[in-house]
N, C-alpha and C. Protein backbone atom coordinates (compact mmCIF):
# COMPACT_ATOMS: atom_id res chain seq x y z
N MET A 1 10.99 -37.50 36.58
CA MET A 1 10.98 -36.19 37.18
C MET A 1 12.12 -35.37 36.59
N LEU A 2 11.84 -34.11 36.29
CA LEU A 2 12.83 -33.22 35.68
C LEU A 2 13.66 -32.54 36.76
N ASN A 3 14.93 -32.40 36.45
CA ASN A 3 15.78 -31.67 37.40
C ASN A 3 15.65 -30.17 37.13
N CYS A 4 16.26 -29.37 37.95
CA CYS A 4 16.14 -27.90 37.85
C CYS A 4 16.65 -27.38 36.51
N ALA A 5 17.74 -27.92 36.00
CA ALA A 5 18.31 -27.45 34.74
C ALA A 5 17.36 -27.70 33.59
N GLU A 6 16.73 -28.92 33.57
CA GLU A 6 15.80 -29.25 32.50
C GLU A 6 14.55 -28.37 32.57
N ARG A 7 14.03 -28.16 33.78
CA ARG A 7 12.87 -27.30 33.94
C ARG A 7 13.19 -25.87 33.50
N GLY A 8 14.37 -25.39 33.85
CA GLY A 8 14.80 -24.04 33.45
C GLY A 8 14.87 -23.90 31.93
N ARG A 9 15.40 -24.97 31.26
CA ARG A 9 15.50 -24.97 29.80
C ARG A 9 14.11 -24.94 29.18
N ILE A 10 13.17 -25.70 29.70
CA ILE A 10 11.80 -25.73 29.18
C ILE A 10 11.13 -24.37 29.36
N VAL A 11 11.31 -23.75 30.50
CA VAL A 11 10.74 -22.42 30.75
C VAL A 11 11.34 -21.41 29.78
N LYS A 12 12.66 -21.51 29.56
CA LYS A 12 13.34 -20.58 28.66
C LYS A 12 12.81 -20.73 27.23
N VAL A 13 12.65 -21.98 26.74
CA VAL A 13 12.15 -22.22 25.40
C VAL A 13 10.70 -21.72 25.28
N THR A 14 9.88 -21.99 26.29
CA THR A 14 8.49 -21.54 26.28
C THR A 14 8.41 -20.02 26.26
N PHE A 15 9.26 -19.37 27.03
CA PHE A 15 9.28 -17.91 27.08
C PHE A 15 9.70 -17.33 25.73
N LYS A 16 10.68 -17.95 25.07
CA LYS A 16 11.11 -17.48 23.75
C LYS A 16 9.97 -17.60 22.74
N LYS A 17 9.23 -18.72 22.79
CA LYS A 17 8.09 -18.89 21.88
C LYS A 17 7.03 -17.83 22.15
N PHE A 18 6.78 -17.54 23.43
CA PHE A 18 5.83 -16.50 23.80
C PHE A 18 6.25 -15.15 23.24
N LEU A 19 7.54 -14.81 23.38
CA LEU A 19 8.04 -13.55 22.85
C LEU A 19 7.91 -13.49 21.33
N LEU A 20 8.20 -14.59 20.65
CA LEU A 20 8.06 -14.64 19.20
C LEU A 20 6.60 -14.43 18.78
N LEU A 21 5.67 -15.06 19.48
CA LEU A 21 4.25 -14.88 19.17
C LEU A 21 3.81 -13.44 19.41
N CYS A 22 4.27 -12.85 20.51
CA CYS A 22 3.92 -11.44 20.79
C CYS A 22 4.51 -10.53 19.72
N GLY A 23 5.77 -10.77 19.37
CA GLY A 23 6.43 -9.96 18.33
C GLY A 23 5.73 -10.11 16.99
N GLY A 24 5.30 -11.35 16.66
CA GLY A 24 4.56 -11.58 15.42
C GLY A 24 3.23 -10.84 15.42
N GLY A 25 2.56 -10.83 16.58
CA GLY A 25 1.29 -10.10 16.69
C GLY A 25 1.49 -8.61 16.50
N ILE A 26 2.54 -8.07 17.09
CA ILE A 26 2.84 -6.64 16.93
C ILE A 26 3.17 -6.34 15.47
N LEU A 27 3.97 -7.20 14.85
CA LEU A 27 4.33 -7.02 13.44
C LEU A 27 3.09 -7.02 12.55
N LEU A 28 2.18 -7.97 12.79
CA LEU A 28 0.95 -8.01 11.99
C LEU A 28 0.12 -6.76 12.18
N THR A 29 0.08 -6.25 13.40
CA THR A 29 -0.67 -5.01 13.65
C THR A 29 -0.03 -3.86 12.89
N TRP A 30 1.29 -3.76 12.96
CA TRP A 30 1.99 -2.69 12.24
C TRP A 30 1.94 -2.89 10.74
N ALA A 31 1.75 -4.13 10.31
CA ALA A 31 1.78 -4.44 8.88
C ALA A 31 0.56 -3.97 8.13
N GLY A 32 -0.34 -3.31 8.81
CA GLY A 32 -1.49 -2.79 8.10
C GLY A 32 -2.80 -3.35 8.61
N CYS A 33 -2.76 -4.22 9.61
CA CYS A 33 -4.00 -4.78 10.12
C CYS A 33 -4.87 -3.71 10.75
N THR A 34 -4.31 -2.60 11.11
CA THR A 34 -5.10 -1.50 11.64
C THR A 34 -5.24 -0.38 10.61
N GLY A 35 -4.81 -0.62 9.41
CA GLY A 35 -4.93 0.38 8.34
C GLY A 35 -3.59 1.01 8.05
N PRO A 36 -3.49 1.71 6.93
CA PRO A 36 -2.23 2.34 6.56
C PRO A 36 -1.90 3.52 7.46
N HIS A 37 -0.63 3.78 7.61
CA HIS A 37 -0.14 4.91 8.39
C HIS A 37 0.82 5.70 7.52
N TYR A 38 0.79 7.02 7.69
CA TYR A 38 1.63 7.88 6.86
C TYR A 38 2.57 8.65 7.76
N ALA A 39 3.85 8.43 7.59
CA ALA A 39 4.85 9.13 8.39
C ALA A 39 5.06 10.54 7.83
N THR A 40 5.46 11.45 8.71
CA THR A 40 5.69 12.84 8.30
C THR A 40 6.91 12.94 7.39
N HIS A 41 7.96 12.21 7.70
CA HIS A 41 9.19 12.26 6.91
C HIS A 41 9.50 10.86 6.38
N GLN A 42 9.93 10.80 5.14
CA GLN A 42 10.25 9.53 4.51
C GLN A 42 11.76 9.38 4.36
N VAL A 43 12.23 8.15 4.54
CA VAL A 43 13.61 7.79 4.27
C VAL A 43 13.57 6.91 3.02
N VAL A 44 14.15 7.39 1.93
CA VAL A 44 14.13 6.65 0.68
C VAL A 44 15.52 6.07 0.46
N LEU A 45 15.62 4.75 0.59
CA LEU A 45 16.89 4.06 0.39
C LEU A 45 17.10 3.74 -1.08
N PHE A 46 16.04 3.41 -1.75
CA PHE A 46 16.04 3.18 -3.20
C PHE A 46 14.63 3.52 -3.67
N GLY A 47 14.46 3.72 -4.93
CA GLY A 47 13.14 4.12 -5.43
C GLY A 47 13.15 5.58 -5.82
N THR A 48 11.98 6.21 -5.71
CA THR A 48 11.81 7.56 -6.21
C THR A 48 11.22 8.44 -5.13
N ASN A 49 11.87 9.56 -4.85
CA ASN A 49 11.31 10.53 -3.92
C ASN A 49 10.02 11.09 -4.49
N ALA A 50 9.12 11.47 -3.60
CA ALA A 50 7.85 12.06 -4.02
C ALA A 50 8.11 13.39 -4.71
N PRO A 51 7.34 13.68 -5.76
CA PRO A 51 7.48 15.00 -6.38
C PRO A 51 6.94 16.07 -5.43
N ALA A 52 7.45 17.27 -5.57
CA ALA A 52 6.93 18.39 -4.78
C ALA A 52 5.60 18.80 -5.40
N ILE A 53 4.55 18.78 -4.60
CA ILE A 53 3.21 19.13 -5.07
C ILE A 53 2.75 20.34 -4.27
N ASN A 54 2.41 21.40 -4.97
CA ASN A 54 1.96 22.64 -4.32
C ASN A 54 0.47 22.86 -4.44
N GLY A 55 -0.31 21.81 -4.61
CA GLY A 55 -1.75 21.93 -4.72
C GLY A 55 -2.28 21.12 -5.88
N PRO A 56 -3.59 21.07 -6.03
CA PRO A 56 -4.19 20.22 -7.05
C PRO A 56 -3.93 20.67 -8.49
N ARG A 57 -3.55 21.90 -8.70
CA ARG A 57 -3.28 22.39 -10.06
C ARG A 57 -1.81 22.25 -10.46
N ASP A 58 -1.02 21.67 -9.61
CA ASP A 58 0.42 21.55 -9.86
C ASP A 58 0.66 20.62 -11.06
N PRO A 59 1.45 21.05 -12.05
CA PRO A 59 1.73 20.21 -13.22
C PRO A 59 2.50 18.95 -12.89
N ALA A 60 3.05 18.85 -11.68
CA ALA A 60 3.77 17.64 -11.28
C ALA A 60 2.83 16.44 -11.15
N ILE A 61 1.54 16.70 -10.94
CA ILE A 61 0.61 15.57 -10.80
C ILE A 61 0.47 14.82 -12.13
N PRO A 62 0.04 15.46 -13.22
CA PRO A 62 -0.07 14.68 -14.46
C PRO A 62 1.30 14.21 -14.97
N LYS A 63 2.33 15.00 -14.72
CA LYS A 63 3.67 14.63 -15.18
C LYS A 63 4.16 13.33 -14.54
N ASN A 64 3.75 13.08 -13.28
CA ASN A 64 4.24 11.90 -12.55
C ASN A 64 3.26 10.74 -12.53
N LEU A 65 2.14 10.83 -13.26
CA LEU A 65 1.27 9.67 -13.40
C LEU A 65 2.00 8.64 -14.26
N SER A 66 1.90 7.39 -13.88
CA SER A 66 2.64 6.34 -14.60
C SER A 66 2.12 6.16 -16.02
N THR A 67 3.04 5.95 -16.95
CA THR A 67 2.67 5.68 -18.34
C THR A 67 2.65 4.18 -18.62
N ASN A 68 3.01 3.37 -17.64
CA ASN A 68 3.07 1.92 -17.81
C ASN A 68 2.31 1.23 -16.69
N ALA A 69 1.73 0.08 -17.03
CA ALA A 69 1.17 -0.79 -15.99
C ALA A 69 2.35 -1.50 -15.32
N TRP A 70 2.17 -1.93 -14.11
CA TRP A 70 3.24 -2.59 -13.36
C TRP A 70 3.19 -4.08 -13.60
N ALA A 71 4.34 -4.69 -13.49
CA ALA A 71 4.40 -6.15 -13.60
C ALA A 71 3.71 -6.74 -12.37
N LYS A 72 2.97 -7.80 -12.57
CA LYS A 72 2.27 -8.46 -11.46
C LYS A 72 3.31 -9.06 -10.52
N SER A 73 3.10 -8.90 -9.22
CA SER A 73 4.04 -9.42 -8.23
C SER A 73 3.96 -10.94 -8.17
N ASN A 74 5.12 -11.56 -7.95
CA ASN A 74 5.10 -13.00 -7.74
C ASN A 74 4.82 -13.28 -6.25
N PHE A 75 4.63 -14.52 -5.90
CA PHE A 75 4.24 -14.86 -4.53
C PHE A 75 5.25 -14.39 -3.48
N PRO A 76 6.57 -14.58 -3.68
CA PRO A 76 7.51 -14.10 -2.66
C PRO A 76 7.44 -12.58 -2.44
N GLU A 77 7.22 -11.82 -3.51
CA GLU A 77 7.08 -10.36 -3.35
C GLU A 77 5.84 -10.00 -2.56
N ARG A 78 4.72 -10.70 -2.85
CA ARG A 78 3.49 -10.44 -2.10
C ARG A 78 3.66 -10.84 -0.64
N ALA A 79 4.31 -11.98 -0.39
CA ALA A 79 4.50 -12.45 0.98
C ALA A 79 5.42 -11.50 1.75
N ALA A 80 6.36 -10.87 1.05
CA ALA A 80 7.27 -9.93 1.72
C ALA A 80 6.56 -8.69 2.22
N GLY A 81 5.38 -8.42 1.69
CA GLY A 81 4.61 -7.25 2.10
C GLY A 81 4.33 -7.21 3.58
N ILE A 82 4.23 -8.37 4.20
CA ILE A 82 3.95 -8.40 5.63
C ILE A 82 5.13 -7.87 6.43
N GLY A 83 6.33 -8.00 5.89
CA GLY A 83 7.49 -7.47 6.58
C GLY A 83 7.84 -6.06 6.15
N VAL A 84 7.36 -5.63 4.99
CA VAL A 84 7.69 -4.31 4.45
C VAL A 84 6.76 -3.23 4.99
N THR A 85 5.48 -3.54 5.11
CA THR A 85 4.49 -2.53 5.48
C THR A 85 4.80 -1.83 6.80
N PRO A 86 5.27 -2.54 7.85
CA PRO A 86 5.59 -1.80 9.08
C PRO A 86 6.67 -0.73 8.87
N PHE A 87 7.64 -1.02 8.02
CA PHE A 87 8.68 -0.03 7.75
C PHE A 87 8.11 1.15 6.96
N LYS A 88 7.20 0.85 6.00
CA LYS A 88 6.56 1.93 5.24
C LYS A 88 5.78 2.84 6.18
N ALA A 89 5.08 2.23 7.15
CA ALA A 89 4.31 3.02 8.12
C ALA A 89 5.21 3.87 9.00
N MET A 90 6.45 3.43 9.20
CA MET A 90 7.41 4.20 10.02
C MET A 90 8.16 5.23 9.20
N GLY A 91 7.94 5.25 7.87
CA GLY A 91 8.59 6.26 7.04
C GLY A 91 9.80 5.78 6.27
N VAL A 92 10.01 4.46 6.20
CA VAL A 92 11.12 3.92 5.41
C VAL A 92 10.51 3.32 4.15
N GLN A 93 10.79 3.93 3.01
CA GLN A 93 10.24 3.48 1.73
C GLN A 93 8.71 3.50 1.77
N GLY A 94 8.14 4.46 2.43
CA GLY A 94 6.71 4.48 2.66
C GLY A 94 5.93 5.37 1.72
N TRP A 95 4.82 5.88 2.25
CA TRP A 95 3.91 6.70 1.47
C TRP A 95 4.04 8.15 1.89
N THR A 96 4.08 9.05 0.91
CA THR A 96 4.05 10.48 1.18
C THR A 96 2.60 10.94 1.01
N ASP A 97 2.05 11.53 2.05
CA ASP A 97 0.67 12.02 2.04
C ASP A 97 0.69 13.49 1.64
N PHE A 98 0.03 13.82 0.55
CA PHE A 98 -0.02 15.20 0.08
C PHE A 98 -1.14 16.01 0.72
N HIS A 99 -1.96 15.37 1.55
CA HIS A 99 -3.11 16.01 2.19
C HIS A 99 -4.07 16.57 1.14
N LEU A 100 -4.22 15.79 0.06
CA LEU A 100 -5.14 16.11 -1.02
C LEU A 100 -6.09 14.92 -1.20
N HIS A 101 -7.32 15.20 -1.57
CA HIS A 101 -8.32 14.16 -1.79
C HIS A 101 -8.42 13.89 -3.29
N ALA A 102 -8.35 12.63 -3.66
CA ALA A 102 -8.40 12.27 -5.08
C ALA A 102 -9.58 11.35 -5.37
N LYS A 103 -10.14 11.51 -6.57
CA LYS A 103 -11.17 10.62 -7.09
C LYS A 103 -10.69 10.14 -8.45
N ALA A 104 -10.65 8.84 -8.62
CA ALA A 104 -10.19 8.28 -9.89
C ALA A 104 -11.26 7.34 -10.44
N ARG A 105 -11.33 7.29 -11.75
CA ARG A 105 -12.19 6.36 -12.45
C ARG A 105 -11.35 5.71 -13.52
N GLY A 106 -11.44 4.37 -13.63
CA GLY A 106 -10.62 3.70 -14.63
C GLY A 106 -10.94 2.23 -14.77
N HIS A 107 -10.29 1.62 -15.76
CA HIS A 107 -10.42 0.19 -16.03
C HIS A 107 -9.46 -0.57 -15.13
N VAL A 108 -9.95 -1.65 -14.51
CA VAL A 108 -9.08 -2.51 -13.71
C VAL A 108 -8.18 -3.28 -14.67
N VAL A 109 -6.87 -3.08 -14.53
CA VAL A 109 -5.90 -3.76 -15.37
C VAL A 109 -5.48 -5.07 -14.71
N GLN A 110 -5.21 -5.01 -13.44
CA GLN A 110 -4.85 -6.20 -12.67
C GLN A 110 -5.10 -5.91 -11.20
N GLN A 111 -5.17 -6.99 -10.41
CA GLN A 111 -5.41 -6.85 -8.98
C GLN A 111 -4.87 -8.07 -8.26
N GLU A 112 -4.57 -7.89 -6.99
CA GLU A 112 -4.12 -9.00 -6.17
C GLU A 112 -4.28 -8.62 -4.71
N VAL A 113 -4.32 -9.62 -3.87
CA VAL A 113 -4.38 -9.39 -2.43
C VAL A 113 -2.98 -9.61 -1.88
N SER A 114 -2.51 -8.65 -1.09
CA SER A 114 -1.17 -8.79 -0.51
C SER A 114 -1.28 -9.44 0.86
N SER A 115 -0.15 -9.87 1.38
CA SER A 115 -0.11 -10.49 2.70
C SER A 115 -0.33 -9.48 3.81
N SER A 116 -0.35 -8.19 3.49
CA SER A 116 -0.50 -7.16 4.52
C SER A 116 -1.94 -6.67 4.66
N GLY A 117 -2.88 -7.36 4.02
CA GLY A 117 -4.28 -7.00 4.18
C GLY A 117 -4.81 -5.97 3.20
N PHE A 118 -4.10 -5.74 2.12
CA PHE A 118 -4.53 -4.79 1.10
C PHE A 118 -4.89 -5.52 -0.18
N ARG A 119 -5.89 -5.01 -0.90
CA ARG A 119 -6.15 -5.44 -2.27
C ARG A 119 -5.56 -4.34 -3.14
N THR A 120 -4.59 -4.70 -3.94
CA THR A 120 -3.94 -3.76 -4.85
C THR A 120 -4.64 -3.85 -6.19
N VAL A 121 -5.13 -2.71 -6.66
CA VAL A 121 -5.83 -2.65 -7.95
C VAL A 121 -5.12 -1.61 -8.80
N ASP A 122 -4.68 -2.02 -9.97
CA ASP A 122 -4.06 -1.09 -10.91
C ASP A 122 -5.10 -0.67 -11.93
N LEU A 123 -5.23 0.66 -12.08
CA LEU A 123 -6.22 1.23 -12.99
C LEU A 123 -5.57 1.89 -14.18
N GLN A 124 -6.17 1.69 -15.35
CA GLN A 124 -5.86 2.54 -16.49
C GLN A 124 -6.85 3.69 -16.37
N LEU A 125 -6.34 4.87 -16.11
CA LEU A 125 -7.20 6.00 -15.76
C LEU A 125 -8.06 6.48 -16.92
N LEU A 126 -9.30 6.75 -16.58
CA LEU A 126 -10.22 7.44 -17.48
C LEU A 126 -10.37 8.88 -17.03
N SER A 127 -10.37 9.10 -15.71
CA SER A 127 -10.44 10.46 -15.17
C SER A 127 -9.81 10.48 -13.78
N LEU A 128 -9.33 11.66 -13.41
CA LEU A 128 -8.74 11.88 -12.09
C LEU A 128 -9.07 13.30 -11.65
N THR A 129 -9.58 13.42 -10.44
CA THR A 129 -9.88 14.71 -9.85
C THR A 129 -9.14 14.80 -8.53
N VAL A 130 -8.45 15.90 -8.31
CA VAL A 130 -7.74 16.12 -7.05
C VAL A 130 -8.28 17.40 -6.44
N ASP A 131 -8.83 17.28 -5.25
CA ASP A 131 -9.47 18.42 -4.57
C ASP A 131 -10.38 19.20 -5.53
N ARG A 132 -11.25 18.48 -6.21
CA ARG A 132 -12.25 19.03 -7.14
C ARG A 132 -11.65 19.66 -8.40
N VAL A 133 -10.38 19.46 -8.64
CA VAL A 133 -9.74 19.97 -9.87
C VAL A 133 -9.51 18.78 -10.80
N HIS A 134 -10.08 18.86 -12.01
CA HIS A 134 -9.92 17.80 -12.99
C HIS A 134 -8.48 17.82 -13.52
N ILE A 135 -7.80 16.69 -13.45
CA ILE A 135 -6.41 16.59 -13.92
C ILE A 135 -6.44 16.14 -15.38
N ARG A 136 -5.70 16.84 -16.22
CA ARG A 136 -5.65 16.53 -17.65
C ARG A 136 -4.25 16.01 -18.01
N TRP A 137 -4.23 15.07 -18.93
CA TRP A 137 -2.98 14.51 -19.42
C TRP A 137 -3.20 14.04 -20.84
N THR A 138 -2.11 13.75 -21.52
CA THR A 138 -2.20 13.17 -22.86
C THR A 138 -1.69 11.75 -22.79
N GLY A 139 -2.20 10.90 -23.64
CA GLY A 139 -1.77 9.51 -23.66
C GLY A 139 -2.49 8.68 -22.59
N THR A 140 -1.94 7.51 -22.33
CA THR A 140 -2.50 6.58 -21.37
C THR A 140 -1.77 6.72 -20.04
N ARG A 141 -2.53 6.74 -18.96
CA ARG A 141 -1.93 6.86 -17.62
C ARG A 141 -2.53 5.81 -16.69
N PHE A 142 -1.72 5.41 -15.72
CA PHE A 142 -2.11 4.38 -14.77
C PHE A 142 -1.94 4.89 -13.34
N MET A 143 -2.70 4.29 -12.44
CA MET A 143 -2.62 4.65 -11.03
C MET A 143 -2.92 3.40 -10.22
N ARG A 144 -2.32 3.31 -9.07
CA ARG A 144 -2.54 2.17 -8.19
C ARG A 144 -3.51 2.56 -7.08
N VAL A 145 -4.39 1.65 -6.73
CA VAL A 145 -5.32 1.83 -5.63
C VAL A 145 -5.01 0.75 -4.60
N GLU A 146 -4.80 1.17 -3.36
CA GLU A 146 -4.56 0.22 -2.27
C GLU A 146 -5.80 0.23 -1.39
N ILE A 147 -6.53 -0.87 -1.39
CA ILE A 147 -7.77 -0.96 -0.62
C ILE A 147 -7.48 -1.77 0.63
N PHE A 148 -7.64 -1.14 1.80
CA PHE A 148 -7.43 -1.85 3.06
C PHE A 148 -8.66 -2.68 3.35
N LEU A 149 -8.53 -4.00 3.24
CA LEU A 149 -9.67 -4.89 3.36
C LEU A 149 -10.24 -4.93 4.78
N GLY A 150 -9.49 -4.44 5.75
CA GLY A 150 -10.00 -4.40 7.12
C GLY A 150 -11.05 -3.32 7.32
N LYS A 151 -11.15 -2.37 6.40
CA LYS A 151 -12.09 -1.26 6.56
C LYS A 151 -13.01 -1.04 5.38
N VAL A 152 -12.61 -1.46 4.18
CA VAL A 152 -13.39 -1.17 2.99
C VAL A 152 -13.85 -2.48 2.35
N PRO A 153 -15.15 -2.68 2.25
CA PRO A 153 -15.64 -3.90 1.58
C PRO A 153 -15.44 -3.78 0.07
N VAL A 154 -15.09 -4.88 -0.55
CA VAL A 154 -14.90 -4.91 -1.99
C VAL A 154 -15.93 -5.87 -2.57
N PRO A 155 -16.77 -5.41 -3.52
CA PRO A 155 -17.78 -6.29 -4.10
C PRO A 155 -17.13 -7.52 -4.75
N ALA A 156 -17.73 -8.67 -4.54
CA ALA A 156 -17.19 -9.92 -5.09
C ALA A 156 -17.08 -9.87 -6.60
N THR A 157 -17.94 -9.11 -7.26
CA THR A 157 -17.90 -9.04 -8.73
C THR A 157 -16.59 -8.43 -9.23
N LEU A 158 -15.96 -7.57 -8.41
CA LEU A 158 -14.69 -6.96 -8.82
C LEU A 158 -13.59 -8.01 -8.95
N PHE A 159 -13.66 -9.06 -8.16
CA PHE A 159 -12.62 -10.09 -8.18
C PHE A 159 -12.58 -10.83 -9.50
N ASP A 160 -13.72 -10.89 -10.20
CA ASP A 160 -13.81 -11.67 -11.43
C ASP A 160 -13.61 -10.84 -12.69
N ASP A 161 -13.82 -9.54 -12.61
CA ASP A 161 -13.85 -8.71 -13.80
C ASP A 161 -12.59 -7.86 -13.91
N THR A 162 -11.64 -8.30 -14.72
CA THR A 162 -10.39 -7.57 -14.87
C THR A 162 -10.58 -6.25 -15.58
N ASN A 163 -11.55 -6.14 -16.46
CA ASN A 163 -11.72 -4.93 -17.24
C ASN A 163 -12.83 -4.02 -16.67
N ALA A 164 -13.24 -4.27 -15.44
CA ALA A 164 -14.31 -3.48 -14.83
C ALA A 164 -13.91 -2.01 -14.76
N VAL A 165 -14.90 -1.14 -14.89
CA VAL A 165 -14.67 0.29 -14.68
C VAL A 165 -15.11 0.58 -13.25
N ILE A 166 -14.18 1.08 -12.44
CA ILE A 166 -14.50 1.39 -11.05
C ILE A 166 -14.17 2.84 -10.75
N ARG A 167 -14.77 3.33 -9.69
CA ARG A 167 -14.49 4.68 -9.21
C ARG A 167 -14.06 4.56 -7.76
N VAL A 168 -12.96 5.21 -7.42
CA VAL A 168 -12.44 5.17 -6.06
C VAL A 168 -12.13 6.59 -5.61
N ASP A 169 -12.15 6.79 -4.31
CA ASP A 169 -11.70 8.08 -3.80
C ASP A 169 -11.03 7.87 -2.46
N GLY A 170 -10.12 8.79 -2.14
CA GLY A 170 -9.35 8.72 -0.90
C GLY A 170 -8.18 9.68 -0.96
N LYS A 171 -7.21 9.44 -0.09
CA LYS A 171 -6.01 10.28 -0.03
C LYS A 171 -5.14 10.07 -1.26
N LEU A 172 -4.59 11.16 -1.77
CA LEU A 172 -3.59 11.05 -2.83
C LEU A 172 -2.24 10.91 -2.13
N VAL A 173 -1.57 9.79 -2.37
CA VAL A 173 -0.26 9.55 -1.76
C VAL A 173 0.72 9.12 -2.84
N TRP A 174 1.99 9.21 -2.49
CA TRP A 174 3.05 8.76 -3.38
C TRP A 174 3.72 7.57 -2.72
N ASP A 175 3.85 6.49 -3.46
CA ASP A 175 4.57 5.33 -2.97
C ASP A 175 6.00 5.46 -3.46
N GLU A 176 6.93 5.28 -2.58
CA GLU A 176 8.35 5.44 -2.94
C GLU A 176 8.81 4.46 -4.01
N ASP A 177 7.94 3.49 -4.36
CA ASP A 177 8.24 2.62 -5.49
C ASP A 177 8.14 3.39 -6.80
N GLY A 178 7.52 4.59 -6.75
CA GLY A 178 7.54 5.46 -7.92
C GLY A 178 6.20 5.72 -8.58
N TRP A 179 5.10 5.67 -7.83
CA TRP A 179 3.81 6.01 -8.45
C TRP A 179 2.84 6.60 -7.43
N PHE A 180 1.86 7.32 -8.00
CA PHE A 180 0.77 7.84 -7.18
C PHE A 180 -0.17 6.70 -6.82
N GLU A 181 -0.76 6.80 -5.63
CA GLU A 181 -1.75 5.82 -5.18
C GLU A 181 -2.89 6.56 -4.49
N ILE A 182 -4.00 5.89 -4.45
CA ILE A 182 -5.13 6.32 -3.63
C ILE A 182 -5.32 5.24 -2.59
């Protein structure tokens, strides 16, 4: 038979585990399980502030398209996404929403699934349209596509074909890591 002190300790440990499970559930929900969230104001601790965009014809759009593909994330970086996404949704190192609609077409350069429920696809752009305005650039440009797997089905054939040509559309946003995303 347990005395009062031992029973109290067991209740305390059980309650702590319950709180940890609840906190983990909340974190997973904020981590993107309900989709991406865009804060009105961003706090950029490191990285690149979003360029000022005054509409789809703004020269800042082609100027800030990436000229390089990104290095593929290693497992610890992908696993950290589950802890990073809630902060991005709250406006810390997050996404700046320009309230513009973008359509991109390009070759899949690389892709991966993050721990936060997104399939990240990097495209070598063939074309980009922002609010029905065709964006022109010289040279090779890249763009990242973040597909929330909780809402958007991805054809299984895309997983196998690295050089596939795909077309995506959605919000034009800036990731404080320094690139445009859809």
